[in-house]
PDB file of N, CA and C in Angstrom:
ATOM      1  N   MET A   1    -129.533-151.813 -46.983  1.00  0.00           N
ATOM      2  CA  MET A   1    -128.878-151.802 -45.701  1.00  0.00           C
ATOM      3  C   MET A   1    -127.714-152.788 -45.677  1.00  0.00           C
ATOM      4  N   THR A   2    -127.858-153.918 -46.371  1.00  0.00           N
ATOM      5  CA  THR A   2    -126.805-154.930 -46.407  1.00  0.00           C
ATOM      6  C   THR A   2    -125.557-154.394 -47.068  1.00  0.00           C
ATOM      7  N   MET A   3    -125.733-153.647 -48.130  1.00  0.00           N
ATOM      8  CA  MET A   3    -124.588-153.097 -48.837  1.00  0.00           C
ATOM      9  C   MET A   3    -123.826-152.110 -47.957  1.00  0.00           C
ATOM     10  N   VAL A   4    -124.549-151.271 -47.215  1.00  0.00           N
ATOM     11  CA  VAL A   4    -123.908-150.315 -46.317  1.00  0.00           C
ATOM     12  C   VAL A   4    -123.130-151.057 -45.249  1.00  0.00           C
ATOM     13  N   LYS A   5    -123.712-152.092 -44.709  1.00  0.00           N
ATOM     14  CA  LYS A   5    -123.042-152.890 -43.677  1.00  0.00           C
ATOM     15  C   LYS A   5    -121.775-153.532 -44.251  1.00  0.00           C
ATOM     16  N   ASN A   6    -121.892-154.076 -45.454  1.00  0.00           N
ATOM     17  CA  ASN A   6    -120.722-154.701 -46.083  1.00  0.00           C
ATOM     18  C   ASN A   6    -119.634-153.672 -46.366  1.00  0.00           C
ATOM     19  N   PHE A   7    -120.031-152.483 -46.773  1.00  0.00           N
ATOM     20  CA  PHE A   7    -119.061-151.426 -47.030  1.00  0.00           C
ATOM     21  C   PHE A   7    -118.366-151.029 -45.733  1.00  0.00           C
ATOM     22  N   GLU A   8    -119.134-150.929 -44.638  1.00  0.00           N
ATOM     23  CA  GLU A   8    -118.540-150.613 -43.334  1.00  0.00           C
ATOM     24  C   GLU A   8    -117.585-151.711 -42.889  1.00  0.00           C
ATOM     25  N   ASP A   9    -117.971-152.960 -43.130  1.00  0.00           N
ATOM     26  CA  ASP A   9    -117.077-154.087 -42.816  1.00  0.00           C
ATOM     27  C   ASP A   9    -115.799-154.005 -43.647  1.00  0.00           C
ATOM     28  N   PHE A  10    -115.964-153.668 -44.903  1.00  0.00           N
ATOM     29  CA  PHE A  10    -114.815-153.534 -45.800  1.00  0.00           C
ATOM     30  C   PHE A  10    -113.879-152.425 -45.307  1.00  0.00           C
ATOM     31  N   GLN A  11    -114.468-151.293 -44.886  1.00  0.00           N
ATOM     32  CA  GLN A  11    -113.656-150.203 -44.357  1.00  0.00           C
ATOM     33  C   GLN A  11    -112.934-150.618 -43.082  1.00  0.00           C
ATOM     34  N   THR A  12    -113.615-151.339 -42.211  1.00  0.00           N
ATOM     35  CA  THR A  12    -113.010-151.793 -40.951  1.00  0.00           C
ATOM     36  C   THR A  12    -111.841-152.730 -41.231  1.00  0.00           C
ATOM     37  N   VAL A  13    -112.041-153.656 -42.134  1.00  0.00           N
ATOM     38  CA  VAL A  13    -110.966-154.591 -42.487  1.00  0.00           C
ATOM     39  C   VAL A  13    -109.793-153.834 -43.095  1.00  0.00           C
ATOM     40  N   GLY A  14    -110.080-152.888 -43.966  1.00  0.00           N
ATOM     41  CA  GLY A  14    -109.016-152.088 -44.579  1.00  0.00           C
ATOM     42  C   GLY A  14    -108.236-151.304 -43.545  1.00  0.00           C
ATOM     43  N   LYS A  15    -108.935-150.720 -42.583  1.00  0.00           N
ATOM     44  CA  LYS A  15    -108.277-149.960 -41.517  1.00  0.00           C
ATOM     45  C   LYS A  15    -107.429-150.872 -40.645  1.00  0.00           C
ATOM     46  N   GLU A  16    -107.957-152.045 -40.300  1.00  0.00           N
ATOM     47  CA  GLU A  16    -107.195-153.001 -39.484  1.00  0.00           C
ATOM     48  C   GLU A  16    -105.924-153.448 -40.205  1.00  0.00           C
ATOM     49  N   ASN A  17    -106.063-153.701 -41.496  1.00  0.00           N
ATOM     50  CA  ASN A  17    -104.889-154.111 -42.277  1.00  0.00           C
ATOM     51  C   ASN A  17    -103.856-152.993 -42.359  1.00  0.00           C
ATOM     52  N   MET A  18    -104.315-151.780 -42.528  1.00  0.00           N
ATOM     53  CA  MET A  18    -103.396-150.639 -42.595  1.00  0.00           C
ATOM     54  C   MET A  18    -102.696-150.452 -41.243  1.00  0.00           C
ATOM     55  N   ASP A  19    -103.455-150.557 -40.161  1.00  0.00           N
ATOM     56  CA  ASP A  19    -102.858-150.435 -38.827  1.00  0.00           C
ATOM     57  C   ASP A  19    -101.803-151.514 -38.599  1.00  0.00           C
ATOM     58  N   ALA A  20    -102.121-152.739 -39.003  1.00  0.00           N
ATOM     59  CA  ALA A  20    -101.170-153.837 -38.848  1.00  0.00           C
ATOM     60  C   ALA A  20     -99.909-153.587 -39.680  1.00  0.00           C
ATOM     61  N   ALA A  21    -100.098-153.086 -40.887  1.00  0.00           N
ATOM     62  CA  ALA A  21     -98.945-152.806 -41.749  1.00  0.00           C
ATOM     63  C   ALA A  21     -98.069-151.708 -41.148  1.00  0.00           C
ATOM     64  N   LEU A  22     -98.692-150.668 -40.597  1.00  0.00           N
ATOM     65  CA  LEU A  22     -97.919-149.584 -39.982  1.00  0.00           C
ATOM     66  C   LEU A  22     -97.166-150.064 -38.741  1.00  0.00           C
ATOM     67  N   LYS A  23     -97.815-150.892 -37.929  1.00  0.00           N
ATOM     68  CA  LYS A  23     -97.146-151.446 -36.744  1.00  0.00           C
ATOM     69  C   LYS A  23     -95.985-152.333 -37.163  1.00  0.00           C
ATOM     70  N   SER A  24     -96.200-153.120 -38.201  1.00  0.00           N
ATOM     71  CA  SER A  24     -95.138-153.985 -38.699  1.00  0.00           C
ATOM     72  C   SER A  24     -93.974-153.166 -39.229  1.00  0.00           C
ATOM     73  N   PHE A  25     -94.274-152.109 -39.960  1.00  0.00           N
ATOM     74  CA  PHE A  25     -93.220-151.236 -40.486  1.00  0.00           C
ATOM     75  C   PHE A  25     -92.437-150.590 -39.345  1.00  0.00           C
ATOM     76  N   SER A  26     -93.147-150.189 -38.301  1.00  0.00           N
ATOM     77  CA  SER A  26     -92.493-149.599 -37.137  1.00  0.00           C
ATOM     78  C   SER A  26     -91.536-150.604 -36.493  1.00  0.00           C
ATOM     79  N   ALA A  27     -91.982-151.844 -36.355  1.00  0.00           N
ATOM     80  CA  ALA A  27     -91.128-152.889 -35.785  1.00  0.00           C
ATOM     81  C   ALA A  27     -89.914-153.138 -36.674  1.00  0.00           C
ATOM     82  N   LEU A  28     -90.125-153.149 -37.988  1.00  0.00           N
ATOM     83  CA  LEU A  28     -89.017-153.328 -38.920  1.00  0.00           C
ATOM     84  C   LEU A  28     -88.002-152.195 -38.787  1.00  0.00           C
ATOM     85  N   SER A  29     -88.511-150.985 -38.666  1.00  0.00           N
ATOM     86  CA  SER A  29     -87.641-149.826 -38.546  1.00  0.00           C
ATOM     87  C   SER A  29     -86.804-149.891 -37.273  1.00  0.00           C
ATOM     88  N   LYS A  30     -87.450-150.172 -36.138  1.00  0.00           N
ATOM     89  CA  LYS A  30     -86.731-150.251 -34.864  1.00  0.00           C
ATOM     90  C   LYS A  30     -85.702-151.374 -34.881  1.00  0.00           C
ATOM     91  N   SER A  31     -86.109-152.533 -35.359  1.00  0.00           N
ATOM     92  CA  SER A  31     -85.184-153.665 -35.408  1.00  0.00           C
ATOM     93  C   SER A  31     -84.045-153.406 -36.387  1.00  0.00           C
ATOM     94  N   GLY A  32     -84.371-152.790 -37.500  1.00  0.00           N
ATOM     95  CA  GLY A  32     -83.337-152.452 -38.482  1.00  0.00           C
ATOM     96  C   GLY A  32     -82.298-151.507 -37.911  1.00  0.00           C
ATOM     97  N   GLN A  33     -82.766-150.541 -37.138  1.00  0.00           N
ATOM     98  CA  GLN A  33     -81.836-149.609 -36.492  1.00  0.00           C
ATOM     99  C   GLN A  33     -80.954-150.336 -35.482  1.00  0.00           C
ATOM    100  N   ALA A  34     -81.544-151.235 -34.706  1.00  0.00           N
ATOM    101  CA  ALA A  34     -80.768-151.991 -33.717  1.00  0.00           C
ATOM    102  C   ALA A  34     -79.706-152.844 -34.405  1.00  0.00           C
ATOM    103  N   ILE A  35     -80.067-153.451 -35.511  1.00  0.00           N
ATOM    104  CA  ILE A  35     -79.116-154.275 -36.263  1.00  0.00           C
ATOM    105  C   ILE A  35     -78.001-153.412 -36.842  1.00  0.00           C
ATOM    106  N   ALA A  36     -78.352-152.267 -37.396  1.00  0.00           N
ATOM    107  CA  ALA A  36     -77.337-151.372 -37.962  1.00  0.00           C
ATOM    108  C   ALA A  36     -76.364-150.883 -36.899  1.00  0.00           C
ATOM    109  N   VAL A  37     -76.877-150.537 -35.725  1.00  0.00           N
ATOM    110  CA  VAL A  37     -76.011-150.093 -34.628  1.00  0.00           C
ATOM    111  C   VAL A  37     -75.088-151.224 -34.198  1.00  0.00           C
ATOM    112  N   GLU A  38     -75.631-152.422 -34.096  1.00  0.00           N
ATOM    113  CA  GLU A  38     -74.830-153.580 -33.687  1.00  0.00           C
ATOM    114  C   GLU A  38     -73.719-153.855 -34.694  1.00  0.00           C
ATOM    115  N   ILE A  39     -74.037-153.795 -35.969  1.00  0.00           N
ATOM    116  CA  ILE A  39     -73.029-154.036 -37.006  1.00  0.00           C
ATOM    117  C   ILE A  39     -71.965-152.944 -36.990  1.00  0.00           C
ATOM    118  N   ALA A  40     -72.378-151.705 -36.814  1.00  0.00           N
ATOM    119  CA  ALA A  40     -71.412-150.597 -36.752  1.00  0.00           C
ATOM    120  C   ALA A  40     -70.481-150.748 -35.546  1.00  0.00           C
ATOM    121  N   ASP A  41     -71.046-151.097 -34.396  1.00  0.00           N
ATOM    122  CA  ASP A  41     -70.225-151.295 -33.198  1.00  0.00           C
ATOM    123  C   ASP A  41     -69.238-152.448 -33.387  1.00  0.00           C
ATOM    124  N   TYR A  42     -69.722-153.528 -33.983  1.00  0.00           N
ATOM    125  CA  TYR A  42     -68.850-154.684 -34.215  1.00  0.00           C
ATOM    126  C   TYR A  42     -67.736-154.326 -35.204  1.00  0.00           C
ATOM    127  N   SER A  43     -68.077-153.603 -36.248  1.00  0.00           N
ATOM    128  CA  SER A  43     -67.066-153.203 -37.239  1.00  0.00           C
ATOM    129  C   SER A  43     -65.992-152.330 -36.605  1.00  0.00           C
ATOM    130  N   LYS A  44     -66.425-151.399 -35.782  1.00  0.00           N
ATOM    131  CA  LYS A  44     -65.474-150.517 -35.102  1.00  0.00           C
ATOM    132  C   LYS A  44     -64.551-151.331 -34.181  1.00  0.00           C
ATOM    133  N   LYS A  45     -65.148-152.245 -33.413  1.00  0.00           N
ATOM    134  CA  LYS A  45     -64.354-153.071 -32.497  1.00  0.00           C
ATOM    135  C   LYS A  45     -63.384-153.965 -33.266  1.00  0.00           C
ATOM    136  N   THR A  46     -63.838-154.528 -34.349  1.00  0.00           N
ATOM    137  CA  THR A  46     -62.985-155.392 -35.169  1.00  0.00           C
ATOM    138  C   THR A  46     -61.810-154.607 -35.743  1.00  0.00           C
ATOM    139  N   PHE A  47     -62.076-153.404 -36.226  1.00  0.00           N
ATOM    140  CA  PHE A  47     -61.004-152.560 -36.761  1.00  0.00           C
ATOM    141  C   PHE A  47     -59.987-152.227 -35.675  1.00  0.00           C
ATOM    142  N   GLU A  48     -60.485-151.845 -34.496  1.00  0.00           N
ATOM    143  CA  GLU A  48     -59.593-151.506 -33.384  1.00  0.00           C
ATOM    144  C   GLU A  48     -58.759-152.712 -32.952  1.00  0.00           C
ATOM    145  N   ASP A  49     -59.389-153.881 -32.866  1.00  0.00           N
ATOM    146  CA  ASP A  49     -58.660-155.089 -32.485  1.00  0.00           C
ATOM    147  C   ASP A  49     -57.608-155.462 -33.533  1.00  0.00           C
ATOM    148  N   GLY A  50     -57.965-155.315 -34.803  1.00  0.00           N
ATOM    149  CA  GLY A  50     -57.008-155.609 -35.871  1.00  0.00           C
ATOM    150  C   GLY A  50     -55.832-154.655 -35.867  1.00  0.00           C
ATOM    151  N   THR A  51     -56.112-153.393 -35.617  1.00  0.00           N
ATOM    152  CA  THR A  51     -55.045-152.392 -35.541  1.00  0.00           C
ATOM    153  C   THR A  51     -54.112-152.671 -34.367  1.00  0.00           C
ATOM    154  N   ALA A  52     -54.698-153.020 -33.231  1.00  0.00           N
ATOM    155  CA  ALA A  52     -53.888-153.338 -32.047  1.00  0.00           C
ATOM    156  C   ALA A  52     -53.020-154.567 -32.299  1.00  0.00           C
ATOM    157  N   ALA A  53     -53.567-155.570 -32.956  1.00  0.00           N
ATOM    158  CA  ALA A  53     -52.793-156.772 -33.259  1.00  0.00           C
ATOM    159  C   ALA A  53     -51.661-156.465 -34.234  1.00  0.00           C
ATOM    160  N   LEU A  54     -51.928-155.614 -35.207  1.00  0.00           N
ATOM    161  CA  LEU A  54     -50.897-155.239 -36.176  1.00  0.00           C
ATOM    162  C   LEU A  54     -49.763-154.465 -35.496  1.00  0.00           C
ATOM    163  N   GLU A  55     -50.125-153.548 -34.602  1.00  0.00           N
ATOM    164  CA  GLU A  55     -49.105-152.803 -33.857  1.00  0.00           C
ATOM    165  C   GLU A  55     -48.258-153.748 -33.004  1.00  0.00           C
ATOM    166  N   LYS A  56     -48.936-154.704 -32.400  1.00  0.00           N
ATOM    167  CA  LYS A  56     -48.236-155.693 -31.580  1.00  0.00           C
ATOM    168  C   LYS A  56     -47.300-156.532 -32.459  1.00  0.00           C
ATOM    169  N   LEU A  57     -47.775-156.864 -33.642  1.00  0.00           N
ATOM    170  CA  LEU A  57     -46.987-157.679 -34.571  1.00  0.00           C
ATOM    171  C   LEU A  57     -45.741-156.921 -35.044  1.00  0.00           C
ATOM    172  N   PHE A  58     -45.870-155.626 -35.262  1.00  0.00           N
ATOM    173  CA  PHE A  58     -44.717-154.834 -35.671  1.00  0.00           C
ATOM    174  C   PHE A  58     -43.656-154.737 -34.576  1.00  0.00           C
ATOM    175  N   GLY A  59     -44.075-154.932 -33.326  1.00  0.00           N
ATOM    176  CA  GLY A  59     -43.147-154.799 -32.211  1.00  0.00           C
ATOM    177  C   GLY A  59     -42.418-156.071 -31.827  1.00  0.00           C
ATOM    178  N   VAL A  60     -42.729-157.179 -32.461  1.00  0.00           N
ATOM    179  CA  VAL A  60     -42.084-158.440 -32.071  1.00  0.00           C
ATOM    180  C   VAL A  60     -40.681-158.533 -32.663  1.00  0.00           C
ATOM    181  N   LYS A  61     -39.842-159.293 -31.967  1.00  0.00           N
ATOM    182  CA  LYS A  61     -38.449-159.437 -32.387  1.00  0.00           C
ATOM    183  C   LYS A  61     -38.143-160.791 -33.015  1.00  0.00           C
ATOM    184  N   SER A  62     -39.035-161.786 -32.787  1.00  0.00           N
ATOM    185  CA  SER A  62     -38.747-163.109 -33.326  1.00  0.00           C
ATOM    186  C   SER A  62     -39.938-163.641 -34.122  1.00  0.00           C
ATOM    187  N   PHE A  63     -39.621-164.600 -34.976  1.00  0.00           N
ATOM    188  CA  PHE A  63     -40.651-165.221 -35.800  1.00  0.00           C
ATOM    189  C   PHE A  63     -41.651-165.983 -34.930  1.00  0.00           C
ATOM    190  N   ASP A  64     -41.163-166.664 -33.902  1.00  0.00           N
ATOM    191  CA  ASP A  64     -42.038-167.423 -33.002  1.00  0.00           C
ATOM    192  C   ASP A  64     -43.043-166.507 -32.302  1.00  0.00           C
ATOM    193  N   LYS A  65     -42.565-165.360 -31.862  1.00  0.00           N
ATOM    194  CA  LYS A  65     -43.453-164.399 -31.200  1.00  0.00           C
ATOM    195  C   LYS A  65     -44.485-163.858 -32.200  1.00  0.00           C
ATOM    196  N   ALA A  66     -44.086-163.656 -33.440  1.00  0.00           N
ATOM    197  CA  ALA A  66     -45.015-163.190 -34.469  1.00  0.00           C
ATOM    198  C   ALA A  66     -46.124-164.222 -34.701  1.00  0.00           C
ATOM    199  N   ILE A  67     -45.758-165.482 -34.736  1.00  0.00           N
ATOM    200  CA  ILE A  67     -46.749-166.556 -34.897  1.00  0.00           C
ATOM    201  C   ILE A  67     -47.694-166.574 -33.701  1.00  0.00           C
ATOM    202  N   GLU A  68     -47.140-166.383 -32.510  1.00  0.00           N
ATOM    203  CA  GLU A  68     -47.951-166.365 -31.288  1.00  0.00           C
ATOM    204  C   GLU A  68     -48.964-165.208 -31.316  1.00  0.00           C
ATOM    205  N   VAL A  69     -48.503-164.029 -31.714  1.00  0.00           N
ATOM    206  CA  VAL A  69     -49.386-162.861 -31.790  1.00  0.00           C
ATOM    207  C   VAL A  69     -50.479-163.100 -32.823  1.00  0.00           C
ATOM    208  N   GLN A  70     -50.097-163.614 -33.970  1.00  0.00           N
ATOM    209  CA  GLN A  70     -51.071-163.869 -35.042  1.00  0.00           C
ATOM    210  C   GLN A  70     -52.085-164.932 -34.616  1.00  0.00           C
ATOM    211  N   THR A  71     -51.620-165.976 -33.963  1.00  0.00           N
ATOM    212  CA  THR A  71     -52.517-167.043 -33.503  1.00  0.00           C
ATOM    213  C   THR A  71     -53.497-166.516 -32.461  1.00  0.00           C
ATOM    214  N   GLU A  72     -52.995-165.718 -31.550  1.00  0.00           N
ATOM    215  CA  GLU A  72     -53.852-165.122 -30.515  1.00  0.00           C
ATOM    216  C   GLU A  72     -54.920-164.234 -31.154  1.00  0.00           C
ATOM    217  N   TYR A  73     -54.506-163.435 -32.115  1.00  0.00           N
ATOM    218  CA  TYR A  73     -55.456-162.551 -32.792  1.00  0.00           C
ATOM    219  C   TYR A  73     -56.507-163.364 -33.557  1.00  0.00           C
ATOM    220  N   ALA A  74     -56.075-164.385 -34.266  1.00  0.00           N
ATOM    221  CA  ALA A  74     -57.006-165.212 -35.042  1.00  0.00           C
ATOM    222  C   ALA A  74     -58.026-165.888 -34.120  1.00  0.00           C
ATOM    223  N   LYS A  75     -57.570-166.363 -32.988  1.00  0.00           N
ATOM    224  CA  LYS A  75     -58.470-167.026 -32.034  1.00  0.00           C
ATOM    225  C   LYS A  75     -59.508-166.036 -31.491  1.00  0.00           C
ATOM    226  N   THR A  76     -59.068-164.879 -31.049  1.00  0.00           N
ATOM    227  CA  THR A  76     -60.015-163.901 -30.493  1.00  0.00           C
ATOM    228  C   THR A  76     -60.942-163.346 -31.577  1.00  0.00           C
ATOM    229  N   ALA A  77     -60.424-163.168 -32.784  1.00  0.00           N
ATOM    230  CA  ALA A  77     -61.263-162.677 -33.885  1.00  0.00           C
ATOM    231  C   ALA A  77     -62.356-163.691 -34.220  1.00  0.00           C
ATOM    232  N   TYR A  78     -62.000-164.970 -34.219  1.00  0.00           N
ATOM    233  CA  TYR A  78     -62.975-166.019 -34.507  1.00  0.00           C
ATOM    234  C   TYR A  78     -64.051-166.074 -33.421  1.00  0.00           C
ATOM    235  N   GLU A  79     -63.619-166.040 -32.170  1.00  0.00           N
ATOM    236  CA  GLU A  79     -64.572-166.083 -31.052  1.00  0.00           C
ATOM    237  C   GLU A  79     -65.498-164.862 -31.081  1.00  0.00           C
ATOM    238  N   SER A  80     -64.942-163.720 -31.390  1.00  0.00           N
ATOM    239  CA  SER A  80     -65.732-162.498 -31.486  1.00  0.00           C
ATOM    240  C   SER A  80     -66.738-162.595 -32.627  1.00  0.00           C
ATOM    241  N   PHE A  81     -66.304-163.146 -33.754  1.00  0.00           N
ATOM    242  CA  PHE A  81     -67.198-163.304 -34.899  1.00  0.00           C
ATOM    243  C   PHE A  81     -68.357-164.245 -34.580  1.00  0.00           C
ATOM    244  N   VAL A  82     -68.071-165.361 -33.948  1.00  0.00           N
ATOM    245  CA  VAL A  82     -69.123-166.324 -33.611  1.00  0.00           C
ATOM    246  C   VAL A  82     -70.132-165.691 -32.650  1.00  0.00           C
ATOM    247  N   ALA A  83     -69.631-164.967 -31.652  1.00  0.00           N
ATOM    248  CA  ALA A  83     -70.524-164.295 -30.708  1.00  0.00           C
ATOM    249  C   ALA A  83     -71.389-163.260 -31.420  1.00  0.00           C
ATOM    250  N   GLU A  84     -70.790-162.508 -32.314  1.00  0.00           N
ATOM    251  CA  GLU A  84     -71.530-161.473 -33.043  1.00  0.00           C
ATOM    252  C   GLU A  84     -72.552-162.093 -33.990  1.00  0.00           C
ATOM    253  N   ALA A  85     -72.180-163.178 -34.649  1.00  0.00           N
ATOM    254  CA  ALA A  85     -73.119-163.847 -35.555  1.00  0.00           C
ATOM    255  C   ALA A  85     -74.321-164.384 -34.778  1.00  0.00           C
ATOM    256  N   THR A  86     -74.083-164.897 -33.593  1.00  0.00           N
ATOM    257  CA  THR A  86     -75.179-165.375 -32.748  1.00  0.00           C
ATOM    258  C   THR A  86     -76.086-164.217 -32.339  1.00  0.00           C
ATOM    259  N   LYS A  87     -75.472-163.111 -31.944  1.00  0.00           N
ATOM    260  CA  LYS A  87     -76.241-161.941 -31.527  1.00  0.00           C
ATOM    261  C   LYS A  87     -77.069-161.392 -32.691  1.00  0.00           C
ATOM    262  N   LEU A  88     -76.468-161.323 -33.879  1.00  0.00           N
ATOM    263  CA  LEU A  88     -77.208-160.834 -35.051  1.00  0.00           C
ATOM    264  C   LEU A  88     -78.328-161.799 -35.439  1.00  0.00           C
ATOM    265  N   GLY A  89     -78.071-163.083 -35.301  1.00  0.00           N
ATOM    266  CA  GLY A  89     -79.117-164.072 -35.569  1.00  0.00           C
ATOM    267  C   GLY A  89     -80.317-163.861 -34.662  1.00  0.00           C
ATOM    268  N   ASP A  90     -80.054-163.592 -33.385  1.00  0.00           N
ATOM    269  CA  ASP A  90     -81.135-163.317 -32.438  1.00  0.00           C
ATOM    270  C   ASP A  90     -81.877-162.037 -32.813  1.00  0.00           C
ATOM    271  N   LEU A  91     -81.132-161.010 -33.226  1.00  0.00           N
ATOM    272  CA  LEU A  91     -81.774-159.752 -33.624  1.00  0.00           C
ATOM    273  C   LEU A  91     -82.657-159.943 -34.860  1.00  0.00           C
ATOM    274  N   TYR A  92     -82.197-160.729 -35.830  1.00  0.00           N
ATOM    275  CA  TYR A  92     -83.002-160.985 -37.021  1.00  0.00           C
ATOM    276  C   TYR A  92     -84.231-161.821 -36.684  1.00  0.00           C
ATOM    277  N   ALA A  93     -84.091-162.770 -35.751  1.00  0.00           N
ATOM    278  CA  ALA A  93     -85.249-163.565 -35.328  1.00  0.00           C
ATOM    279  C   ALA A  93     -86.273-162.670 -34.633  1.00  0.00           C
ATOM    280  N   ASP A  94     -85.793-161.770 -33.794  1.00  0.00           N
ATOM    281  CA  ASP A  94     -86.694-160.817 -33.136  1.00  0.00           C
ATOM    282  C   ASP A  94     -87.377-159.910 -34.161  1.00  0.00           C
ATOM    283  N   LEU A  95     -86.642-159.503 -35.175  1.00  0.00           N
ATOM    284  CA  LEU A  95     -87.215-158.681 -36.237  1.00  0.00           C
ATOM    285  C   LEU A  95     -88.372-159.412 -36.908  1.00  0.00           C
ATOM    286  N   ALA A  96     -88.170-160.678 -37.218  1.00  0.00           N
ATOM    287  CA  ALA A  96     -89.228-161.457 -37.869  1.00  0.00           C
ATOM    288  C   ALA A  96     -90.445-161.592 -36.959  1.00  0.00           C
ATOM    289  N   LYS A  97     -90.207-161.885 -35.690  1.00  0.00           N
ATOM    290  CA  LYS A  97     -91.320-162.045 -34.751  1.00  0.00           C
ATOM    291  C   LYS A  97     -92.093-160.745 -34.577  1.00  0.00           C
ATOM    292  N   GLU A  98     -91.371-159.651 -34.389  1.00  0.00           N
ATOM    293  CA  GLU A  98     -92.019-158.368 -34.141  1.00  0.00           C
ATOM    294  C   GLU A  98     -92.757-157.846 -35.369  1.00  0.00           C
ATOM    295  N   SER A  99     -92.232-158.111 -36.552  1.00  0.00           N
ATOM    296  CA  SER A  99     -92.906-157.625 -37.758  1.00  0.00           C
ATOM    297  C   SER A  99     -94.122-158.483 -38.100  1.00  0.00           C
ATOM    298  N   TYR A 100     -94.145-159.724 -37.638  1.00  0.00           N
ATOM    299  CA  TYR A 100     -95.289-160.601 -37.894  1.00  0.00           C
ATOM    300  C   TYR A 100     -96.399-160.395 -36.867  1.00  0.00           C
ATOM    301  N   LYS A 101     -96.014-159.996 -35.656  1.00  0.00           N
ATOM    302  CA  LYS A 101     -96.962-159.885 -34.552  1.00  0.00           C
ATOM    303  C   LYS A 101     -98.217-159.068 -34.884  1.00  0.00           C
ATOM    304  N   PRO A 102     -98.116-157.906 -35.534  1.00  0.00           N
ATOM    305  CA  PRO A 102     -99.340-157.137 -35.835  1.00  0.00           C
ATOM    306  C   PRO A 102    -100.312-157.870 -36.755  1.00  0.00           C
ATOM    307  N   PHE A 103     -99.822-158.804 -37.548  1.00  0.00           N
ATOM    308  CA  PHE A 103    -100.680-159.510 -38.492  1.00  0.00           C
ATOM    309  C   PHE A 103    -101.336-160.750 -37.896  1.00  0.00           C
ATOM    310  N   GLU A 104    -100.923-161.161 -36.702  1.00  0.00           N
ATOM    311  CA  GLU A 104    -101.494-162.362 -36.092  1.00  0.00           C
ATOM    312  C   GLU A 104    -103.008-162.244 -35.937  1.00  0.00           C
ATOM    313  N   ALA A 105    -103.464-161.090 -35.438  1.00  0.00           N
ATOM    314  CA  ALA A 105    -104.910-160.891 -35.244  1.00  0.00           C
ATOM    315  C   ALA A 105    -105.640-160.887 -36.583  1.00  0.00           C
ATOM    316  N   VAL A 106    -105.038-160.275 -37.591  1.00  0.00           N
ATOM    317  CA  VAL A 106    -105.673-160.228 -38.914  1.00  0.00           C
ATOM    318  C   VAL A 106    -105.804-161.641 -39.477  1.00  0.00           C
ATOM    319  N   PHE A 107    -104.736-162.451 -39.355  1.00  0.00           N
ATOM    320  CA  PHE A 107    -104.781-163.814 -39.877  1.00  0.00           C
ATOM    321  C   PHE A 107    -105.748-164.687 -39.073  1.00  0.00           C
ATOM    322  N   ALA A 108    -105.844-164.424 -37.770  1.00  0.00           N
ATOM    323  CA  ALA A 108    -106.764-165.201 -36.934  1.00  0.00           C
ATOM    324  C   ALA A 108    -108.210-164.933 -37.348  1.00  0.00           C
ATOM    325  N   LYS A 109    -108.527-163.688 -37.703  1.00  0.00           N
ATOM    326  CA  LYS A 109    -109.888-163.346 -38.127  1.00  0.00           C
ATOM    327  C   LYS A 109    -110.208-163.971 -39.484  1.00  0.00           C
ATOM    328  N   ALA A 110    -109.198-164.147 -40.317  1.00  0.00           N
ATOM    329  CA  ALA A 110    -109.422-164.658 -41.664  1.00  0.00           C
ATOM    330  C   ALA A 110    -109.751-166.146 -41.672  1.00  0.00           C
ATOM    331  N   LYS A 111    -109.395-166.853 -40.603  1.00  0.00           N
ATOM    332  CA  LYS A 111    -109.646-168.307 -40.564  1.00  0.00           C
ATOM    333  C   LYS A 111    -111.091-168.632 -40.411  1.00  0.00           C
TER     334      LYS A 111
END
């Protein structure tokens, strides 16, 4: 009877681990998609902003105005990059938390 009980316990633990792994994979998939969409949106916006700045640069008549346009573009590009890096950092942190969450119960039982 002890062996049957141990086998049932083994099956239960295996099922719990599999469920946790599937939940974690699901969280990874959802977070990965969110990150990919965010990167694609940022890339598109960056390309559009760069194109607009280049068009503006082609339309200037003086060197001083060209420097002004370039400086303005560099400033906004930097600010946009910092904001995006912060947003992606938050998304990656959420990915780590969500993918670990299903295993919390498994690790708690193991202690």
